[in-house]
Every structure is written in structure tokens, then in C-alpha cells.
C-alpha atoms as a PDB file:
ATOM      1  CA  UNK A   1     -19.909   6.424 -22.803  1.00  0.00           C
ATOM      2  CA  UNK A   2     -17.407   7.384 -20.094  1.00  0.00           C
ATOM      3  CA  UNK A   3     -14.233   5.414 -19.954  1.00  0.00           C
ATOM      4  CA  UNK A   4     -12.002   5.086 -16.938  1.00  0.00           C
ATOM      5  CA  UNK A   5      -8.417   6.152 -17.444  1.00  0.00           C
ATOM      6  CA  UNK A   6      -5.907   3.355 -17.174  1.00  0.00           C
ATOM      7  CA  UNK A   7      -3.531   3.598 -14.255  1.00  0.00           C
ATOM      8  CA  UNK A   8       0.142   3.987 -15.084  1.00  0.00           C
ATOM      9  CA  UNK A   9       2.527   1.288 -13.959  1.00  0.00           C
ATOM     10  CA  UNK A  10       5.216   2.373 -11.505  1.00  0.00           C
ATOM     11  CA  UNK A  11       8.770   2.692 -12.794  1.00  0.00           C
ATOM     12  CA  UNK A  12      11.210  -0.154 -12.266  1.00  0.00           C
ATOM     13  CA  UNK A  13      13.204   2.188  -9.998  1.00  0.00           C
ATOM     14  CA  UNK A  14      10.201   2.802  -7.730  1.00  0.00           C
ATOM     15  CA  UNK A  15       9.426  -0.928  -7.518  1.00  0.00           C
ATOM     16  CA  UNK A  16      13.100  -1.574  -6.675  1.00  0.00           C
ATOM     17  CA  UNK A  17      12.931   1.071  -3.916  1.00  0.00           C
ATOM     18  CA  UNK A  18       9.757  -0.567  -2.563  1.00  0.00           C
ATOM     19  CA  UNK A  19      11.370  -4.014  -2.517  1.00  0.00           C
ATOM     20  CA  UNK A  20      14.569  -2.655  -0.935  1.00  0.00           C
ATOM     21  CA  UNK A  21      12.745  -1.221   2.099  1.00  0.00           C
ATOM     22  CA  UNK A  22      10.130  -3.970   2.479  1.00  0.00           C
ATOM     23  CA  UNK A  23      10.518  -5.386   5.999  1.00  0.00           C
ATOM     24  CA  UNK A  24      10.975  -9.134   6.361  1.00  0.00           C
ATOM     25  CA  UNK A  25       8.479 -11.565   7.860  1.00  0.00           C
ATOM     26  CA  UNK A  26       5.800 -11.164   9.051  1.00  0.00           C
ATOM     27  CA  UNK A  27       5.409  -8.474   6.364  1.00  0.00           C
ATOM     28  CA  UNK A  28       3.841  -9.880   3.241  1.00  0.00           C
ATOM     29  CA  UNK A  29       4.218  -8.474  -0.283  1.00  0.00           C
ATOM     30  CA  UNK A  30       1.052  -8.715  -2.365  1.00  0.00           C
ATOM     31  CA  UNK A  31      -0.403  -6.970  -5.382  1.00  0.00           C
ATOM     32  CA  UNK A  32      -3.228  -4.498  -4.771  1.00  0.00           C
ATOM     33  CA  UNK A  33      -5.027  -3.168  -7.843  1.00  0.00           C
ATOM     34  CA  UNK A  34      -1.996  -4.167  -9.912  1.00  0.00           C
ATOM     35  CA  UNK A  35       0.535  -2.401  -7.676  1.00  0.00           C
ATOM     36  CA  UNK A  36       2.964  -3.827  -5.079  1.00  0.00           C
ATOM     37  CA  UNK A  37       1.673  -3.476  -1.519  1.00  0.00           C
ATOM     38  CA  UNK A  38       2.857  -4.655   1.883  1.00  0.00           C
ATOM     39  CA  UNK A  39       0.637  -6.139   4.590  1.00  0.00           C
ATOM     40  CA  UNK A  40       1.067  -7.243   8.172  1.00  0.00           C
ATOM     41  CA  UNK A  41      -1.704  -9.118  10.008  1.00  0.00           C
ATOM     42  CA  UNK A  42      -3.959  -8.414   7.027  1.00  0.00           C
ATOM     43  CA  UNK A  43      -3.438  -4.636   7.258  1.00  0.00           C
ATOM     44  CA  UNK A  44      -1.801  -2.743   4.402  1.00  0.00           C
ATOM     45  CA  UNK A  45       0.980  -0.486   5.690  1.00  0.00           C
ATOM     46  CA  UNK A  46       2.680   0.646   2.482  1.00  0.00           C
ATOM     47  CA  UNK A  47       2.345   0.332  -1.235  1.00  0.00           C
ATOM     48  CA  UNK A  48       2.751   1.892  -4.629  1.00  0.00           C
ATOM     49  CA  UNK A  49       0.150   3.663  -6.724  1.00  0.00           C
ATOM     50  CA  UNK A  50       1.316   4.724 -10.166  1.00  0.00           C
ATOM     51  CA  UNK A  51       4.487   6.760  -9.387  1.00  0.00           C
ATOM     52  CA  UNK A  52       3.576   7.351  -5.720  1.00  0.00           C
ATOM     53  CA  UNK A  53       4.987   5.625  -2.655  1.00  0.00           C
ATOM     54  CA  UNK A  54       2.179   5.287  -0.098  1.00  0.00           C
ATOM     55  CA  UNK A  55       2.670   4.909   3.672  1.00  0.00           C
ATOM     56  CA  UNK A  56       0.072   4.254   6.372  1.00  0.00           C
ATOM     57  CA  UNK A  57       1.024   6.128   9.510  1.00  0.00           C
ATOM     58  CA  UNK A  58      -0.336   6.968  12.944  1.00  0.00           C
ATOM     59  CA  UNK A  59      -1.356  10.586  13.628  1.00  0.00           C
ATOM     60  CA  UNK A  60       1.925  12.021  14.929  1.00  0.00           C
ATOM     61  CA  UNK A  61       4.317  10.546  12.318  1.00  0.00           C
ATOM     62  CA  UNK A  62       1.765  11.268   9.564  1.00  0.00           C
ATOM     63  CA  UNK A  63       1.632  14.941  10.606  1.00  0.00           C
ATOM     64  CA  UNK A  64       5.446  15.020  10.707  1.00  0.00           C
ATOM     65  CA  UNK A  65       5.718  13.636   7.173  1.00  0.00           C
ATOM     66  CA  UNK A  66       2.972  15.963   5.913  1.00  0.00           C
ATOM     67  CA  UNK A  67       4.961  18.877   7.360  1.00  0.00           C
ATOM     68  CA  UNK A  68       7.986  17.757   5.344  1.00  0.00           C
ATOM     69  CA  UNK A  69       6.173  17.711   2.014  1.00  0.00           C
ATOM     70  CA  UNK A  70       4.025  14.566   1.952  1.00  0.00           C
ATOM     71  CA  UNK A  71       0.498  14.749   0.583  1.00  0.00           C
ATOM     72  CA  UNK A  72      -2.649  12.923   1.612  1.00  0.00           C
ATOM     73  CA  UNK A  73      -3.223   9.891  -0.589  1.00  0.00           C
ATOM     74  CA  UNK A  74      -6.213  10.380  -2.880  1.00  0.00           C
ATOM     75  CA  UNK A  75      -6.568   7.514  -5.365  1.00  0.00           C
ATOM     76  CA  UNK A  76      -9.582   9.424  -6.696  1.00  0.00           C
ATOM     77  CA  UNK A  77      -9.612  13.219  -6.558  1.00  0.00           C
ATOM     78  CA  UNK A  78     -11.364  14.436  -3.408  1.00  0.00           C
ATOM     79  CA  UNK A  79     -11.376  11.004  -1.754  1.00  0.00           C
ATOM     80  CA  UNK A  80      -8.441  10.873   0.631  1.00  0.00           C
ATOM     81  CA  UNK A  81      -7.728   7.536   2.284  1.00  0.00           C
ATOM     82  CA  UNK A  82      -7.600   7.925   6.045  1.00  0.00           C
ATOM     83  CA  UNK A  83      -4.117   7.387   7.529  1.00  0.00           C
ATOM     84  CA  UNK A  84      -2.334   7.141   4.148  1.00  0.00           C
ATOM     85  CA  UNK A  85       0.128   9.664   2.727  1.00  0.00           C
ATOM     86  CA  UNK A  86       2.213   9.930  -0.421  1.00  0.00           C
ATOM     87  CA  UNK A  87       5.872  10.113   0.578  1.00  0.00           C
ATOM     88  CA  UNK A  88       7.669  13.189  -0.777  1.00  0.00           C
ATOM     89  CA  UNK A  89      10.121  12.593  -3.633  1.00  0.00           C
ATOM     90  CA  UNK A  90      13.076  13.610  -1.429  1.00  0.00           C
ATOM     91  CA  UNK A  91      12.210  10.781   0.993  1.00  0.00           C
ATOM     92  CA  UNK A  92      11.722   8.222  -1.785  1.00  0.00           C
ATOM     93  CA  UNK A  93      15.103   9.213  -3.288  1.00  0.00           C
ATOM     94  CA  UNK A  94      16.877   8.680   0.063  1.00  0.00           C
ATOM     95  CA  UNK A  95      16.885   4.922   0.791  1.00  0.00           C
ATOM     96  CA  UNK A  96      17.833   5.402   4.459  1.00  0.00           C
ATOM     97  CA  UNK A  97      15.001   7.869   5.021  1.00  0.00           C
ATOM     98  CA  UNK A  98      12.580   5.672   3.074  1.00  0.00           C
ATOM     99  CA  UNK A  99      13.597   2.615   5.101  1.00  0.00           C
ATOM    100  CA  UNK A 100      12.986   4.574   8.333  1.00  0.00           C
ATOM    101  CA  UNK A 101       9.481   5.543   7.193  1.00  0.00           C
ATOM    102  CA  UNK A 102       8.763   1.992   5.976  1.00  0.00           C
ATOM    103  CA  UNK A 103       9.699   0.671   9.446  1.00  0.00           C
ATOM    104  CA  UNK A 104       7.456   3.297  11.059  1.00  0.00           C
ATOM    105  CA  UNK A 105       4.568   2.270   8.801  1.00  0.00           C
ATOM    106  CA  UNK A 106       5.262  -1.412   9.493  1.00  0.00           C
ATOM    107  CA  UNK A 107       5.214  -0.820  13.264  1.00  0.00           C
ATOM    108  CA  UNK A 108       1.911   1.020  12.927  1.00  0.00           C
ATOM    109  CA  UNK A 109       0.477  -1.810  10.817  1.00  0.00           C
ATOM    110  CA  UNK A 110       1.536  -4.318  13.477  1.00  0.00           C
ATOM    111  CA  UNK A 111      -0.208  -2.258  16.171  1.00  0.00           C
ATOM    112  CA  UNK A 112      -3.570  -2.504  14.401  1.00  0.00           C
ATOM    113  CA  UNK A 113      -5.988  -5.324  15.214  1.00  0.00           C
ATOM    114  CA  UNK A 114      -5.458  -8.255  12.848  1.00  0.00           C
ATOM    115  CA  UNK A 115      -8.001  -8.480  10.079  1.00  0.00           C
ATOM    116  CA  UNK A 116     -10.016 -11.655  10.114  1.00  0.00           C
ATOM    117  CA  UNK A 117      -9.420 -13.797   7.084  1.00  0.00           C
ATOM    118  CA  UNK A 118     -12.440 -14.073   4.879  1.00  0.00           C
ATOM    119  CA  UNK A 119     -13.719 -17.608   4.631  1.00  0.00           C
ATOM    120  CA  UNK A 120     -12.850 -19.164   1.323  1.00  0.00           C
ATOM    121  CA  UNK A 121     -15.750 -19.444  -1.025  1.00  0.00           C
ATOM    122  CA  UNK A 122     -17.032 -22.901  -1.629  1.00  0.00           C
ATOM    123  CA  UNK A 123     -16.684 -23.898  -5.241  1.00  0.00           C
ATOM    124  CA  UNK A 124     -19.934 -23.945  -7.139  1.00  0.00           C
ATOM    125  CA  UNK A 125     -20.653 -27.529  -8.177  1.00  0.00           C
ATOM    126  CA  UNK A 126     -20.825 -28.084 -11.886  1.00  0.00           C
ATOM    127  CA  UNK A 127     -24.202 -28.942 -13.258  1.00  0.00           C
ATOM    128  CA  UNK A 128     -24.534 -32.430 -14.556  1.00  0.00           C
ATOM    129  CA  UNK A 129     -25.326 -32.690 -18.194  1.00  0.00           C
ATOM    130  CA  UNK A 130     -28.697 -34.163 -18.900  1.00  0.00           C
ATOM    131  CA  UNK A 131     -29.425 -36.168 -21.984  1.00  0.00           C
END
């Protein structure tokens, strides 16, 4: 039987860096697959995955960051997520640079069409016990 490998939790330092550059409202911090993630209008614009800091960027800034050492984000080998990159360590280590890229990702997230909220599921009524 094949067993999936457990994902590693991000370090406290990486979570602190994420929280430090998280823009204020209307950005919303949520957990995604057990990792901190940031959303605006229902669109994720940055997050953590294991020890990686992920940013969602438009074409030009994404190419610029890739040129400076970023990598395409592949949560599963060979399956890159469109528009998402893993920020290079030198950017993550520099709070000012990281904040700049977080703001760029936030602005891109705001430019995307809002995602419609899924209707809440109606609770399934409990069956009455019969005697």
C-alpha cells in the first residue's frame, strides 16, 4: 500500500515573516491545507507550503522574480500551479523586499474577479428514531 508523505510544518520564523508582511483588510488570513494563506476577494495571493513562501503574481512581476532566483510552485512534482512562484530565500530573509513582493501579490489578487462564495450546505436532518 502506498502512503502519502506527511507535509512538514513551516518554521516559526517563516510563519512570523508571513504574518509580518500580511497586508491589512481586506486581506484575510486563512489556513489552506494546514498552512497559513492570504486571500483577497476569495483569491489566494500568498501563502506558505512547508518551508516555502508562495506568491501569486501577474506575468511581468512573476518573470522578474523568476529571473532573480524564484522557482515555479509545484506542490506535487511536475504539477506547477499557474501564476504561483516560490520566493527565493534572499527575498524571504529581507523583510522590506518580502513586504514589497507581498504588496505586489496583494494588488494582483485584488485585480482578479472576486470568487463567488459557495452556498452553505444545508444541514442534513437527523433521522427520527423509530420504536
